[in-house]
C-alpha atoms as a PDB file:
ATOM      1  CA  MET A   1      28.177  18.670 -15.390  1.00  0.00           C
ATOM      2  CA  THR A   2      26.727  15.627 -13.650  1.00  0.00           C
ATOM      3  CA  ALA A   3      28.262  13.022 -11.667  1.00  0.00           C
ATOM      4  CA  ARG A   4      26.877   9.535 -11.038  1.00  0.00           C
ATOM      5  CA  THR A   5      27.369   8.138  -7.478  1.00  0.00           C
ATOM      6  CA  SER A   6      27.429   4.296  -7.535  1.00  0.00           C
ATOM      7  CA  HIS A   7      26.417   2.455  -4.442  1.00  0.00           C
ATOM      8  CA  SER A   8      27.968  -0.888  -5.251  1.00  0.00           C
ATOM      9  CA  ASN A   9      28.747  -1.949  -1.693  1.00  0.00           C
ATOM     10  CA  GLY A  10      25.356  -3.451  -1.081  1.00  0.00           C
ATOM     11  CA  LEU A  11      24.563  -7.191  -1.401  1.00  0.00           C
ATOM     12  CA  PHE A  12      23.197  -7.702  -5.009  1.00  0.00           C
ATOM     13  CA  GLY A  13      22.380  -3.961  -5.117  1.00  0.00           C
ATOM     14  CA  TYR A  14      20.673  -4.036  -1.768  1.00  0.00           C
ATOM     15  CA  HIS A  15      21.579  -1.997   1.303  1.00  0.00           C
ATOM     16  CA  VAL A  16      21.771  -4.448   4.221  1.00  0.00           C
ATOM     17  CA  ASN A  17      20.997  -2.885   7.578  1.00  0.00           C
ATOM     18  CA  ALA A  18      23.348  -4.216  10.313  1.00  0.00           C
ATOM     19  CA  VAL A  19      20.377  -4.819  12.709  1.00  0.00           C
ATOM     20  CA  GLY A  20      18.449  -6.727  10.029  1.00  0.00           C
ATOM     21  CA  ALA A  21      21.566  -8.859   9.168  1.00  0.00           C
ATOM     22  CA  VAL A  22      22.000  -9.816  12.883  1.00  0.00           C
ATOM     23  CA  ALA A  23      18.274 -10.611  13.199  1.00  0.00           C
ATOM     24  CA  ALA A  24      18.386 -12.757  10.091  1.00  0.00           C
ATOM     25  CA  LEU A  25      21.302 -14.612  11.474  1.00  0.00           C
ATOM     26  CA  VAL A  26      19.518 -15.375  14.642  1.00  0.00           C
ATOM     27  CA  ILE A  27      16.438 -16.512  12.731  1.00  0.00           C
ATOM     28  CA  LEU A  28      18.547 -18.789  10.490  1.00  0.00           C
ATOM     29  CA  PHE A  29      20.194 -20.160  13.680  1.00  0.00           C
ATOM     30  CA  TRP A  30      16.941 -21.229  15.096  1.00  0.00           C
ATOM     31  CA  VAL A  31      15.775 -22.660  11.831  1.00  0.00           C
ATOM     32  CA  PHE A  32      18.966 -24.754  11.656  1.00  0.00           C
ATOM     33  CA  ILE A  33      18.391 -25.824  15.305  1.00  0.00           C
ATOM     34  CA  ALA A  34      14.827 -26.819  14.469  1.00  0.00           C
ATOM     35  CA  LEU A  35      16.008 -28.928  11.541  1.00  0.00           C
ATOM     36  CA  PHE A  36      19.139 -30.538  12.991  1.00  0.00           C
ATOM     37  CA  GLY A  37      18.836 -29.986  16.775  1.00  0.00           C
ATOM     38  CA  GLY A  38      17.865 -33.574  17.345  1.00  0.00           C
ATOM     39  CA  TRP A  39      21.294 -34.645  16.180  1.00  0.00           C
ATOM     40  CA  LEU A  40      23.126 -32.051  18.298  1.00  0.00           C
ATOM     41  CA  THR A  41      21.813 -32.871  21.786  1.00  0.00           C
ATOM     42  CA  PRO A  42      24.587 -33.764  24.196  1.00  0.00           C
ATOM     43  CA  TYR A  43      22.144 -36.035  26.052  1.00  0.00           C
ATOM     44  CA  PRO A  44      18.865 -37.778  25.380  1.00  0.00           C
ATOM     45  CA  PRO A  45      16.161 -35.147  25.983  1.00  0.00           C
ATOM     46  CA  GLY A  46      14.158 -37.264  28.272  1.00  0.00           C
ATOM     47  CA  GLU A  47      16.927 -38.970  30.210  1.00  0.00           C
ATOM     48  CA  ILE A  48      17.687 -37.982  33.825  1.00  0.00           C
ATOM     49  CA  VAL A  49      21.356 -37.145  33.793  1.00  0.00           C
ATOM     50  CA  ASP A  50      21.753 -34.805  36.889  1.00  0.00           C
ATOM     51  CA  MET A  51      21.152 -35.873  40.435  1.00  0.00           C
ATOM     52  CA  ASP A  52      20.455 -32.255  41.371  1.00  0.00           C
ATOM     53  CA  TYR A  53      17.188 -30.842  40.101  1.00  0.00           C
ATOM     54  CA  PHE A  54      17.294 -27.212  38.850  1.00  0.00           C
ATOM     55  CA  GLY A  55      21.006 -27.627  38.549  1.00  0.00           C
ATOM     56  CA  PRO A  56      23.180 -24.510  37.666  1.00  0.00           C
ATOM     57  CA  ILE A  57      25.026 -23.861  34.474  1.00  0.00           C
ATOM     58  CA  SER A  58      28.189 -25.845  34.447  1.00  0.00           C
ATOM     59  CA  SER A  59      30.777 -27.218  32.082  1.00  0.00           C
ATOM     60  CA  GLN A  60      28.827 -30.515  32.032  1.00  0.00           C
ATOM     61  CA  PHE A  61      25.350 -28.881  31.630  1.00  0.00           C
ATOM     62  CA  TRP A  62      25.762 -25.664  29.617  1.00  0.00           C
ATOM     63  CA  LEU A  63      22.138 -24.517  30.429  1.00  0.00           C
ATOM     64  CA  GLY A  64      21.621 -26.277  33.710  1.00  0.00           C
ATOM     65  CA  SER A  65      19.196 -29.087  34.347  1.00  0.00           C
ATOM     66  CA  ASP A  66      15.412 -29.066  34.855  1.00  0.00           C
ATOM     67  CA  TYR A  67      13.130 -30.048  37.641  1.00  0.00           C
ATOM     68  CA  LEU A  68      13.851 -33.718  37.082  1.00  0.00           C
ATOM     69  CA  GLY A  69      17.609 -33.411  36.342  1.00  0.00           C
ATOM     70  CA  ARG A  70      17.299 -33.523  32.601  1.00  0.00           C
ATOM     71  CA  ASP A  71      19.752 -31.567  30.571  1.00  0.00           C
ATOM     72  CA  MET A  72      18.081 -28.201  29.472  1.00  0.00           C
ATOM     73  CA  LEU A  73      20.331 -27.686  26.394  1.00  0.00           C
ATOM     74  CA  SER A  74      19.120 -30.901  24.916  1.00  0.00           C
ATOM     75  CA  ARG A  75      15.532 -30.090  25.774  1.00  0.00           C
ATOM     76  CA  ILE A  76      15.738 -26.568  24.251  1.00  0.00           C
ATOM     77  CA  LEU A  77      17.376 -27.877  21.116  1.00  0.00           C
ATOM     78  CA  MET A  78      14.605 -30.473  20.675  1.00  0.00           C
ATOM     79  CA  GLY A  79      11.964 -27.962  21.661  1.00  0.00           C
ATOM     80  CA  ALA A  80      12.836 -25.705  18.808  1.00  0.00           C
ATOM     81  CA  ARG A  81      11.611 -28.438  16.380  1.00  0.00           C
ATOM     82  CA  TYR A  82       8.151 -28.009  17.881  1.00  0.00           C
ATOM     83  CA  THR A  83       8.014 -24.285  18.347  1.00  0.00           C
ATOM     84  CA  VAL A  84       9.384 -23.387  14.995  1.00  0.00           C
ATOM     85  CA  GLY A  85       7.880 -26.178  13.030  1.00  0.00           C
ATOM     86  CA  ILE A  86       4.337 -25.858  14.302  1.00  0.00           C
ATOM     87  CA  SER A  87       4.350 -22.004  14.005  1.00  0.00           C
ATOM     88  CA  LEU A  88       5.809 -22.112  10.551  1.00  0.00           C
ATOM     89  CA  ALA A  89       3.377 -24.662   9.289  1.00  0.00           C
ATOM     90  CA  ALA A  90       0.459 -22.684  10.876  1.00  0.00           C
ATOM     91  CA  VAL A  91       1.496 -19.382   9.319  1.00  0.00           C
ATOM     92  CA  VAL A  92       2.050 -20.869   5.928  1.00  0.00           C
ATOM     93  CA  ILE A  93      -1.426 -22.456   5.854  1.00  0.00           C
ATOM     94  CA  SER A  94      -3.173 -19.485   7.395  1.00  0.00           C
ATOM     95  CA  CYS A  95      -1.505 -16.845   5.013  1.00  0.00           C
ATOM     96  CA  PHE A  96      -2.008 -19.121   1.955  1.00  0.00           C
ATOM     97  CA  MET A  97      -5.707 -19.554   2.668  1.00  0.00           C
ATOM     98  CA  GLY A  98      -6.175 -15.842   3.652  1.00  0.00           C
ATOM     99  CA  VAL A  99      -4.320 -14.444   0.682  1.00  0.00           C
ATOM    100  CA  VAL A 100      -5.985 -16.725  -1.831  1.00  0.00           C
ATOM    101  CA  LEU A 101      -9.382 -16.100  -0.343  1.00  0.00           C
ATOM    102  CA  GLY A 102      -8.880 -12.378  -0.007  1.00  0.00           C
ATOM    103  CA  MET A 103      -7.576 -11.964  -3.657  1.00  0.00           C
ATOM    104  CA  THR A 104     -10.581 -14.078  -4.939  1.00  0.00           C
ATOM    105  CA  ALA A 105     -13.136 -11.968  -2.984  1.00  0.00           C
ATOM    106  CA  ALA A 106     -11.610  -8.715  -4.314  1.00  0.00           C
ATOM    107  CA  VAL A 107     -11.773 -10.009  -7.887  1.00  0.00           C
ATOM    108  CA  LEU A 108     -15.202 -11.558  -7.728  1.00  0.00           C
ATOM    109  CA  GLY A 109     -16.927  -9.199  -5.425  1.00  0.00           C
ATOM    110  CA  GLY A 110     -20.677  -9.332  -5.032  1.00  0.00           C
ATOM    111  CA  TRP A 111     -22.297 -11.973  -2.773  1.00  0.00           C
ATOM    112  CA  PHE A 112     -19.134 -14.095  -2.533  1.00  0.00           C
ATOM    113  CA  ASP A 113     -17.249 -11.276  -1.042  1.00  0.00           C
ATOM    114  CA  THR A 114     -19.950 -10.215   1.256  1.00  0.00           C
ATOM    115  CA  CYS A 115     -20.743 -13.634   2.625  1.00  0.00           C
ATOM    116  CA  LEU A 116     -17.148 -14.687   3.080  1.00  0.00           C
ATOM    117  CA  SER A 117     -16.193 -11.340   4.642  1.00  0.00           C
ATOM    118  CA  ARG A 118     -19.035 -11.624   7.230  1.00  0.00           C
ATOM    119  CA  PHE A 119     -18.161 -15.135   8.098  1.00  0.00           C
ATOM    120  CA  LEU A 120     -14.505 -14.435   8.662  1.00  0.00           C
ATOM    121  CA  ASP A 121     -15.448 -11.297  10.563  1.00  0.00           C
ATOM    122  CA  ALA A 122     -17.569 -13.309  12.951  1.00  0.00           C
ATOM    123  CA  LEU A 123     -14.660 -15.868  13.362  1.00  0.00           C
ATOM    124  CA  ASN A 124     -12.188 -13.092  13.922  1.00  0.00           C
ATOM    125  CA  SER A 125     -14.424 -11.536  16.676  1.00  0.00           C
ATOM    126  CA  ILE A 126     -13.651 -14.558  18.977  1.00  0.00           C
ATOM    127  CA  PRO A 127     -10.710 -13.982  21.268  1.00  0.00           C
ATOM    128  CA  SER A 128      -7.769 -16.106  19.766  1.00  0.00           C
ATOM    129  CA  LYS A 129      -6.678 -17.573  23.080  1.00  0.00           C
ATOM    130  CA  LEU A 130     -10.184 -18.328  24.175  1.00  0.00           C
ATOM    131  CA  PHE A 131     -10.841 -20.013  20.781  1.00  0.00           C
ATOM    132  CA  GLY A 132      -7.708 -22.086  21.108  1.00  0.00           C
ATOM    133  CA  LEU A 133      -8.413 -23.092  24.707  1.00  0.00           C
ATOM    134  CA  VAL A 134     -11.955 -24.241  23.886  1.00  0.00           C
ATOM    135  CA  VAL A 135     -11.141 -26.186  20.713  1.00  0.00           C
ATOM    136  CA  VAL A 136      -8.053 -27.891  22.048  1.00  0.00           C
ATOM    137  CA  ALA A 137      -9.670 -28.777  25.289  1.00  0.00           C
ATOM    138  CA  GLY A 138     -12.628 -30.267  23.459  1.00  0.00           C
ATOM    139  CA  ILE A 139     -10.710 -32.148  20.694  1.00  0.00           C
ATOM    140  CA  GLY A 140      -7.486 -32.940  22.501  1.00  0.00           C
ATOM    141  CA  SER A 141      -3.998 -31.623  21.937  1.00  0.00           C
ATOM    142  CA  SER A 142      -1.838 -33.045  19.208  1.00  0.00           C
ATOM    143  CA  ILE A 143       0.367 -31.516  16.714  1.00  0.00           C
ATOM    144  CA  PRO A 144      -2.188 -31.679  13.671  1.00  0.00           C
ATOM    145  CA  VAL A 145      -4.795 -30.129  15.932  1.00  0.00           C
ATOM    146  CA  LEU A 146      -2.514 -27.287  17.139  1.00  0.00           C
ATOM    147  CA  VAL A 147      -1.531 -26.465  13.537  1.00  0.00           C
ATOM    148  CA  GLY A 148      -5.129 -26.552  12.447  1.00  0.00           C
ATOM    149  CA  VAL A 149      -6.367 -24.391  15.299  1.00  0.00           C
ATOM    150  CA  LEU A 150      -3.570 -21.771  14.988  1.00  0.00           C
ATOM    151  CA  ALA A 151      -4.118 -21.634  11.134  1.00  0.00           C
ATOM    152  CA  VAL A 152      -7.887 -21.061  11.629  1.00  0.00           C
ATOM    153  CA  ILE A 153      -7.347 -18.328  14.172  1.00  0.00           C
ATOM    154  CA  TYR A 154      -5.090 -16.342  11.931  1.00  0.00           C
ATOM    155  CA  THR A 155      -6.675 -16.891   8.619  1.00  0.00           C
ATOM    156  CA  PRO A 156      -9.322 -14.083   9.003  1.00  0.00           C
ATOM    157  CA  GLY A 157      -6.695 -11.419   9.646  1.00  0.00           C
ATOM    158  CA  SER A 158      -4.577 -12.576   6.741  1.00  0.00           C
ATOM    159  CA  TYR A 159      -7.776 -12.518   4.512  1.00  0.00           C
ATOM    160  CA  ARG A 160      -8.635  -8.918   5.569  1.00  0.00           C
ATOM    161  CA  PHE A 161      -5.125  -7.714   4.917  1.00  0.00           C
ATOM    162  CA  ALA A 162      -4.743  -9.391   1.476  1.00  0.00           C
ATOM    163  CA  ARG A 163      -8.334  -8.398   0.387  1.00  0.00           C
ATOM    164  CA  SER A 164      -7.703  -4.649   1.272  1.00  0.00           C
ATOM    165  CA  LEU A 165      -4.567  -4.712  -1.036  1.00  0.00           C
ATOM    166  CA  ALA A 166      -6.133  -6.643  -3.625  1.00  0.00           C
ATOM    167  CA  VAL A 167      -9.192  -4.351  -3.861  1.00  0.00           C
ATOM    168  CA  ASN A 168      -6.888  -1.353  -4.618  1.00  0.00           C
ATOM    169  CA  ILE A 169      -4.918  -3.319  -7.275  1.00  0.00           C
ATOM    170  CA  ASN A 170      -8.206  -4.553  -8.818  1.00  0.00           C
ATOM    171  CA  THR A 171      -9.187  -1.054  -9.772  1.00  0.00           C
ATOM    172  CA  MET A 172      -6.094  -0.237 -11.638  1.00  0.00           C
ATOM    173  CA  ASP A 173      -5.840   0.179 -15.385  1.00  0.00           C
ATOM    174  CA  PHE A 174      -3.726  -2.935 -16.113  1.00  0.00           C
ATOM    175  CA  VAL A 175      -6.161  -5.166 -14.341  1.00  0.00           C
ATOM    176  CA  THR A 176      -9.048  -3.538 -16.259  1.00  0.00           C
ATOM    177  CA  VAL A 177      -7.262  -4.136 -19.476  1.00  0.00           C
ATOM    178  CA  ALA A 178      -6.581  -7.673 -18.619  1.00  0.00           C
ATOM    179  CA  ARG A 179     -10.160  -8.277 -17.784  1.00  0.00           C
ATOM    180  CA  ALA A 180     -11.277  -6.617 -20.998  1.00  0.00           C
ATOM    181  CA  ARG A 181      -9.226  -8.872 -23.071  1.00  0.00           C
ATOM    182  CA  GLY A 182     -10.934 -11.858 -21.556  1.00  0.00           C
ATOM    183  CA  GLU A 183      -8.557 -13.029 -18.921  1.00  0.00           C
ATOM    184  CA  ARG A 184     -10.153 -15.299 -16.325  1.00  0.00           C
ATOM    185  CA  THR A 185     -10.043 -15.029 -12.496  1.00  0.00           C
ATOM    186  CA  PRO A 186      -7.047 -17.402 -11.971  1.00  0.00           C
ATOM    187  CA  TYR A 187      -4.976 -15.353 -14.296  1.00  0.00           C
ATOM    188  CA  LEU A 188      -5.874 -12.085 -12.783  1.00  0.00           C
ATOM    189  CA  ILE A 189      -5.120 -13.415  -9.294  1.00  0.00           C
ATOM    190  CA  GLY A 190      -1.859 -15.107 -10.107  1.00  0.00           C
ATOM    191  CA  GLN A 191      -0.393 -12.752 -12.833  1.00  0.00           C
ATOM    192  CA  GLU A 192      -1.731  -9.297 -12.120  1.00  0.00           C
ATOM    193  CA  ILE A 193      -2.620  -8.926  -8.341  1.00  0.00           C
ATOM    194  CA  LEU A 194      -0.335 -11.340  -6.449  1.00  0.00           C
ATOM    195  CA  PRO A 195       2.957  -9.912  -7.758  1.00  0.00           C
ATOM    196  CA  ASN A 196       1.948  -6.370  -6.699  1.00  0.00           C
ATOM    197  CA  ILE A 197       0.948  -7.356  -3.097  1.00  0.00           C
ATOM    198  CA  LEU A 198       3.655 -10.052  -2.484  1.00  0.00           C
ATOM    199  CA  GLY A 199       5.988  -7.694  -0.432  1.00  0.00           C
ATOM    200  CA  PRO A 200       3.427  -6.481   2.090  1.00  0.00           C
ATOM    201  CA  VAL A 201       1.988 -10.039   2.368  1.00  0.00           C
ATOM    202  CA  LEU A 202       5.379 -11.485   3.251  1.00  0.00           C
ATOM    203  CA  THR A 203       5.786  -8.805   5.803  1.00  0.00           C
ATOM    204  CA  ASP A 204       2.410  -9.614   7.248  1.00  0.00           C
ATOM    205  CA  MET A 205       3.383 -13.273   7.328  1.00  0.00           C
ATOM    206  CA  GLY A 206       6.355 -12.515   9.412  1.00  0.00           C
ATOM    207  CA  LEU A 207       4.299 -10.631  11.918  1.00  0.00           C
ATOM    208  CA  ARG A 208       1.679 -13.391  12.145  1.00  0.00           C
ATOM    209  CA  PHE A 209       4.517 -15.975  12.709  1.00  0.00           C
ATOM    210  CA  VAL A 210       5.410 -13.950  15.853  1.00  0.00           C
ATOM    211  CA  PHE A 211       1.765 -13.938  17.091  1.00  0.00           C
ATOM    212  CA  ILE A 212       1.494 -17.699  16.450  1.00  0.00           C
ATOM    213  CA  VAL A 213       4.798 -18.411  18.353  1.00  0.00           C
ATOM    214  CA  LEU A 214       3.461 -16.473  21.298  1.00  0.00           C
ATOM    215  CA  LEU A 215      -0.006 -17.996  21.176  1.00  0.00           C
ATOM    216  CA  LEU A 216       1.455 -21.544  20.944  1.00  0.00           C
ATOM    217  CA  SER A 217       3.760 -20.730  23.852  1.00  0.00           C
ATOM    218  CA  GLY A 218       0.894 -19.489  25.832  1.00  0.00           C
ATOM    219  CA  LEU A 219      -1.253 -22.600  25.084  1.00  0.00           C
ATOM    220  CA  SER A 220       1.721 -24.810  26.143  1.00  0.00           C
ATOM    221  CA  PHE A 221       2.163 -22.850  29.233  1.00  0.00           C
ATOM    222  CA  LEU A 222      -1.407 -23.516  30.164  1.00  0.00           C
ATOM    223  CA  GLY A 223      -0.870 -27.267  29.505  1.00  0.00           C
ATOM    224  CA  LEU A 224      -2.847 -27.425  26.218  1.00  0.00           C
ATOM    225  CA  GLY A 225       0.054 -27.277  23.770  1.00  0.00           C
ATOM    226  CA  VAL A 226       2.609 -29.896  22.925  1.00  0.00           C
ATOM    227  CA  GLN A 227       2.168 -32.821  25.304  1.00  0.00           C
ATOM    228  CA  PRO A 228       4.798 -34.920  27.140  1.00  0.00           C
ATOM    229  CA  PRO A 229       7.075 -36.590  26.497  1.00  0.00           C
ATOM    230  CA  ASN A 230       7.585 -33.910  23.728  1.00  0.00           C
ATOM    231  CA  ALA A 231       7.957 -30.277  24.739  1.00  0.00           C
ATOM    232  CA  ASP A 232       8.138 -26.975  23.034  1.00  0.00           C
ATOM    233  CA  TRP A 233       9.658 -23.878  24.694  1.00  0.00           C
ATOM    234  CA  GLY A 234       6.351 -22.900  26.273  1.00  0.00           C
ATOM    235  CA  SER A 235       6.016 -26.300  27.893  1.00  0.00           C
ATOM    236  CA  LEU A 236       9.574 -26.040  29.172  1.00  0.00           C
ATOM    237  CA  VAL A 237       8.703 -22.791  30.881  1.00  0.00           C
ATOM    238  CA  ARG A 238       5.403 -24.285  32.404  1.00  0.00           C
ATOM    239  CA  GLU A 239       7.155 -27.422  33.795  1.00  0.00           C
ATOM    240  CA  ASN A 240       9.995 -25.620  35.271  1.00  0.00           C
ATOM    241  CA  ILE A 241       8.077 -22.494  36.645  1.00  0.00           C
ATOM    242  CA  GLY A 242       8.846 -23.860  40.151  1.00  0.00           C
ATOM    243  CA  GLY A 243      12.516 -22.888  39.683  1.00  0.00           C
ATOM    244  CA  LEU A 244      11.775 -19.216  39.067  1.00  0.00           C
ATOM    245  CA  PRO A 245      12.329 -18.171  42.800  1.00  0.00           C
ATOM    246  CA  PHE A 246      15.786 -19.748  42.624  1.00  0.00           C
ATOM    247  CA  GLY A 247      16.657 -18.020  39.223  1.00  0.00           C
ATOM    248  CA  ALA A 248      16.993 -21.493  37.724  1.00  0.00           C
ATOM    249  CA  PRO A 249      18.261 -21.540  34.124  1.00  0.00           C
ATOM    250  CA  ALA A 250      15.663 -24.154  33.324  1.00  0.00           C
ATOM    251  CA  VAL A 251      12.890 -21.565  33.311  1.00  0.00           C
ATOM    252  CA  ILE A 252      14.974 -18.508  32.215  1.00  0.00           C
ATOM    253  CA  MET A 253      16.565 -20.177  29.138  1.00  0.00           C
ATOM    254  CA  PRO A 254      13.407 -21.137  27.318  1.00  0.00           C
ATOM    255  CA  SER A 255      11.965 -17.738  27.853  1.00  0.00           C
ATOM    256  CA  ILE A 256      15.088 -16.312  26.305  1.00  0.00           C
ATOM    257  CA  ALA A 257      14.807 -18.647  23.347  1.00  0.00           C
ATOM    258  CA  ILE A 258      11.177 -17.444  22.664  1.00  0.00           C
ATOM    259  CA  ALA A 259      12.240 -13.828  23.096  1.00  0.00           C
ATOM    260  CA  THR A 260      15.185 -14.014  20.738  1.00  0.00           C
ATOM    261  CA  LEU A 261      13.095 -15.616  18.045  1.00  0.00           C
ATOM    262  CA  THR A 262      10.167 -13.257  18.190  1.00  0.00           C
ATOM    263  CA  ILE A 263      12.236 -10.055  18.576  1.00  0.00           C
ATOM    264  CA  SER A 264      14.531 -11.129  15.745  1.00  0.00           C
ATOM    265  CA  VAL A 265      11.643 -11.629  13.339  1.00  0.00           C
ATOM    266  CA  ASN A 266      10.197  -8.166  14.361  1.00  0.00           C
ATOM    267  CA  LEU A 267      13.629  -6.578  13.900  1.00  0.00           C
ATOM    268  CA  LEU A 268      14.133  -8.190  10.556  1.00  0.00           C
ATOM    269  CA  ILE A 269      10.739  -6.906   9.243  1.00  0.00           C
ATOM    270  CA  ASP A 270      11.549  -3.448  10.536  1.00  0.00           C
ATOM    271  CA  ASN A 271      14.940  -3.459   8.739  1.00  0.00           C
ATOM    272  CA  LEU A 272      14.207  -5.253   5.521  1.00  0.00           C
ATOM    273  CA  PRO A 273      16.950  -4.684   2.888  1.00  0.00           C
ATOM    274  CA  VAL A 274      16.305  -1.613   0.772  1.00  0.00           C
ATOM    275  CA  ARG A 275      17.070  -1.568  -3.004  1.00  0.00           C
ATOM    276  CA  ILE A 276      19.876   0.876  -3.710  1.00  0.00           C
ATOM    277  CA  ARG A 277      19.419   3.088  -6.805  1.00  0.00           C
ATOM    278  CA  ASP A 278      22.046   5.176  -8.532  1.00  0.00           C
ATOM    279  CA  ARG A 279      21.489   8.970  -8.189  1.00  0.00           C
ATOM    280  CA  SER A 280      22.231  11.759 -10.630  1.00  0.00           C
ATOM    281  CA  GLU A 281      23.146  14.973  -9.349  1.00  0.00           C
END
């Protein structure tokens, strides 16, 4: 006699890990701040509102004030727009280009695959931070330049990852059958290969988002990222680094913001919802 055990307590049939749920809430919080933080700032981000520089946390200034006496809460809320926005735009562009090129190379093969792979391997061999420093220092720092540089840096890795997945799928029987019945390359890529690699690709996209946030913050810390009067979280750390010996919130809070975003993305990827299936005993 068999008994069926139903796991209906999941969300839409998925088991939601508690750590993953908390991480997702943190990510959604920062996305919300990036979208609407400009309307939630208690003070104008560039206005000096405290006569004491590196002011402590108080009822008036919830996250203290910076080296000029500007409200840090307002500047962090505004900085989320640049950190999250630039990183998200760069990761979408890099993963889109890498995945499309990777699947195309896997399907076409031959000289196209060889030439493209060698070119992107050469690009990937350049240290990412060095490449970013040289390009941004040569061209000048602006938001479009930062997005383009970050996208170019991470396209080769995305291409390699997608190509390795697509090569395996391309040898399977259902792809061979589709090719035998005369389906063209766009159909093979969009209908046969992409749906079968979408999960790993989205996971890889999340990891690359973390790398881009850290690289952008590093460039901003070196003075080559988002330029004044605008500031992302890396810029806020750089301009307030003088307050580190005093334990000023102005340098600690932007660092915590970077840490919470990147760690939450990693935790979410490690604890993605798992499909619950009924078991028969």
